[in-house]
Amino acid sequence: AVVDAARATGRARLWSTVRRWNSASVRVLEKAGFTDSGRVTPDPVDGDTVWMVCDLREPAGA
């Protein structure tokens, strides 16, 4: 729903962050169309943060 709403407003991309150890959340984001951007914010205490991106210029489901 959030991805569709962002796409409807003409946004080019949508970002999300997730802890690397949270594989279930990574899968949810991937199913919503997000991919790993390659950007990581290191955090030795709570675990590294992975930046996920969804290209909204791509057709839904692509």
N, C-alpha and C. Protein backbone atom coordinates (compact mmCIF):
# COMPACT_ATOMS: atom_id res chain seq x y z
N ALA A 1 0.82 -1.19 0.00
CA ALA A 1 0.00 0.00 0.00
C ALA A 1 0.87 1.26 0.00
N VAL A 2 1.93 1.27 0.80
CA VAL A 2 2.81 2.44 0.86
C VAL A 2 3.52 2.64 -0.47
N VAL A 3 3.98 1.55 -1.07
CA VAL A 3 4.68 1.65 -2.36
C VAL A 3 3.72 2.20 -3.42
N ASP A 4 2.51 1.70 -3.46
CA ASP A 4 1.53 2.18 -4.43
C ASP A 4 1.20 3.65 -4.20
N ALA A 5 1.06 4.06 -2.95
CA ALA A 5 0.75 5.46 -2.64
C ALA A 5 1.90 6.37 -3.07
N ALA A 6 3.13 5.95 -2.81
CA ALA A 6 4.30 6.75 -3.21
C ALA A 6 4.39 6.85 -4.73
N ARG A 7 4.13 5.74 -5.41
CA ARG A 7 4.16 5.73 -6.88
C ARG A 7 3.08 6.69 -7.43
N ALA A 8 1.92 6.69 -6.81
CA ALA A 8 0.81 7.53 -7.28
C ALA A 8 1.11 9.02 -7.13
N THR A 9 2.01 9.37 -6.23
CA THR A 9 2.36 10.78 -6.04
C THR A 9 3.49 11.22 -6.94
N GLY A 10 3.99 10.30 -7.78
CA GLY A 10 5.04 10.66 -8.72
C GLY A 10 6.46 10.56 -8.18
N ARG A 11 6.62 9.94 -7.04
CA ARG A 11 7.96 9.77 -6.48
C ARG A 11 8.79 8.86 -7.38
N ALA A 12 10.12 9.06 -7.38
CA ALA A 12 11.01 8.24 -8.21
C ALA A 12 11.50 7.00 -7.48
N ARG A 13 11.68 7.13 -6.16
CA ARG A 13 12.16 5.98 -5.39
C ARG A 13 11.71 6.11 -3.94
N LEU A 14 11.70 4.97 -3.29
CA LEU A 14 11.31 4.89 -1.89
C LEU A 14 12.42 4.15 -1.16
N TRP A 15 12.82 4.66 0.00
CA TRP A 15 13.90 4.06 0.77
C TRP A 15 13.37 3.45 2.05
N SER A 16 14.04 2.41 2.52
CA SER A 16 13.75 1.81 3.81
C SER A 16 15.06 1.32 4.40
N THR A 17 15.13 1.28 5.71
CA THR A 17 16.30 0.72 6.37
C THR A 17 15.87 -0.48 7.21
N VAL A 18 16.79 -1.41 7.34
CA VAL A 18 16.51 -2.62 8.11
C VAL A 18 17.84 -3.14 8.67
N ARG A 19 17.79 -3.71 9.85
CA ARG A 19 18.99 -4.31 10.42
C ARG A 19 19.34 -5.57 9.63
N ARG A 20 20.62 -5.75 9.38
CA ARG A 20 21.06 -6.90 8.58
C ARG A 20 20.59 -8.23 9.16
N TRP A 21 20.54 -8.33 10.49
CA TRP A 21 20.17 -9.59 11.13
C TRP A 21 18.68 -9.89 11.02
N ASN A 22 17.86 -8.92 10.61
CA ASN A 22 16.42 -9.09 10.56
C ASN A 22 15.99 -9.62 9.18
N SER A 23 16.31 -10.87 8.94
CA SER A 23 16.06 -11.47 7.62
C SER A 23 14.57 -11.52 7.26
N ALA A 24 13.70 -11.65 8.25
CA ALA A 24 12.26 -11.68 7.95
C ALA A 24 11.81 -10.33 7.38
N SER A 25 12.29 -9.24 7.95
CA SER A 25 11.93 -7.92 7.43
C SER A 25 12.54 -7.66 6.07
N VAL A 26 13.75 -8.17 5.85
CA VAL A 26 14.38 -8.04 4.53
C VAL A 26 13.50 -8.73 3.49
N ARG A 27 12.99 -9.91 3.80
CA ARG A 27 12.13 -10.64 2.86
C ARG A 27 10.83 -9.88 2.58
N VAL A 28 10.25 -9.28 3.61
CA VAL A 28 9.02 -8.50 3.42
C VAL A 28 9.29 -7.33 2.48
N LEU A 29 10.41 -6.63 2.69
CA LEU A 29 10.76 -5.51 1.82
C LEU A 29 11.01 -5.99 0.39
N GLU A 30 11.69 -7.11 0.24
CA GLU A 30 11.94 -7.65 -1.11
C GLU A 30 10.63 -7.99 -1.81
N LYS A 31 9.68 -8.56 -1.10
CA LYS A 31 8.39 -8.89 -1.70
C LYS A 31 7.62 -7.63 -2.10
N ALA A 32 7.91 -6.52 -1.41
CA ALA A 32 7.26 -5.25 -1.74
C ALA A 32 7.97 -4.52 -2.88
N GLY A 33 9.08 -5.11 -3.37
CA GLY A 33 9.77 -4.51 -4.51
C GLY A 33 11.08 -3.82 -4.19
N PHE A 34 11.52 -3.90 -2.94
CA PHE A 34 12.78 -3.27 -2.54
C PHE A 34 13.96 -4.18 -2.86
N THR A 35 15.11 -3.55 -3.14
CA THR A 35 16.36 -4.29 -3.34
C THR A 35 17.43 -3.65 -2.46
N ASP A 36 18.47 -4.41 -2.19
CA ASP A 36 19.60 -3.91 -1.41
C ASP A 36 20.32 -2.86 -2.24
N SER A 37 20.47 -1.66 -1.70
CA SER A 37 21.10 -0.56 -2.43
C SER A 37 22.62 -0.65 -2.41
N GLY A 38 23.15 -1.49 -1.54
CA GLY A 38 24.60 -1.57 -1.37
C GLY A 38 25.12 -0.65 -0.29
N ARG A 39 24.26 0.21 0.22
CA ARG A 39 24.66 1.12 1.30
C ARG A 39 24.41 0.45 2.64
N VAL A 40 25.41 0.50 3.52
CA VAL A 40 25.31 -0.09 4.85
C VAL A 40 25.83 0.93 5.86
N THR A 41 25.10 1.12 6.93
CA THR A 41 25.56 1.95 8.03
C THR A 41 26.01 1.01 9.15
N PRO A 42 27.32 0.95 9.41
CA PRO A 42 27.83 0.03 10.43
C PRO A 42 27.34 0.40 11.83
N ASP A 43 27.00 -0.60 12.60
CA ASP A 43 26.62 -0.41 14.00
C ASP A 43 27.04 -1.65 14.77
N PRO A 44 28.18 -1.60 15.45
CA PRO A 44 28.68 -2.77 16.16
C PRO A 44 27.84 -3.15 17.38
N VAL A 45 26.97 -2.25 17.84
CA VAL A 45 26.16 -2.54 19.03
C VAL A 45 24.85 -3.22 18.65
N ASP A 46 24.08 -2.60 17.76
CA ASP A 46 22.75 -3.12 17.42
C ASP A 46 22.70 -3.88 16.11
N GLY A 47 23.79 -3.91 15.37
CA GLY A 47 23.81 -4.58 14.08
C GLY A 47 23.75 -3.58 12.95
N ASP A 48 24.44 -3.88 11.87
CA ASP A 48 24.51 -2.97 10.73
C ASP A 48 23.13 -2.71 10.14
N THR A 49 22.96 -1.50 9.64
CA THR A 49 21.72 -1.10 8.97
C THR A 49 21.93 -1.18 7.46
N VAL A 50 21.05 -1.91 6.79
CA VAL A 50 21.08 -2.04 5.34
C VAL A 50 20.04 -1.08 4.77
N TRP A 51 20.43 -0.33 3.75
CA TRP A 51 19.52 0.59 3.07
C TRP A 51 18.93 -0.12 1.86
N MET A 52 17.61 -0.24 1.85
CA MET A 52 16.89 -0.87 0.75
C MET A 52 16.20 0.22 -0.07
N VAL A 53 16.09 -0.01 -1.37
CA VAL A 53 15.48 0.99 -2.25
C VAL A 53 14.48 0.32 -3.18
N CYS A 54 13.42 1.05 -3.48
CA CYS A 54 12.41 0.59 -4.43
C CYS A 54 12.32 1.64 -5.54
N ASP A 55 12.64 1.25 -6.76
CA ASP A 55 12.57 2.15 -7.90
C ASP A 55 11.12 2.24 -8.36
N LEU A 56 10.51 3.37 -8.12
CA LEU A 56 9.09 3.53 -8.42
C LEU A 56 8.82 3.84 -9.89
N ARG A 57 9.87 4.04 -10.66
CA ARG A 57 9.70 4.28 -12.10
C ARG A 57 9.45 2.96 -12.83
N GLU A 58 9.78 1.84 -12.17
CA GLU A 58 9.51 0.52 -12.74
C GLU A 58 8.02 0.21 -12.56
N PRO A 59 7.41 -0.46 -13.50
CA PRO A 59 6.00 -0.84 -13.34
C PRO A 59 5.82 -1.75 -12.13
N ALA A 60 4.70 -1.65 -11.48
CA ALA A 60 4.41 -2.51 -10.33
C ALA A 60 4.52 -3.97 -10.75
N GLY A 61 5.21 -4.76 -9.92
CA GLY A 61 5.37 -6.18 -10.21
C GLY A 61 6.52 -6.51 -11.12
N ALA A 62 7.28 -5.52 -11.55
CA ALA A 62 8.41 -5.75 -12.47
C ALA A 62 9.62 -6.29 -11.76
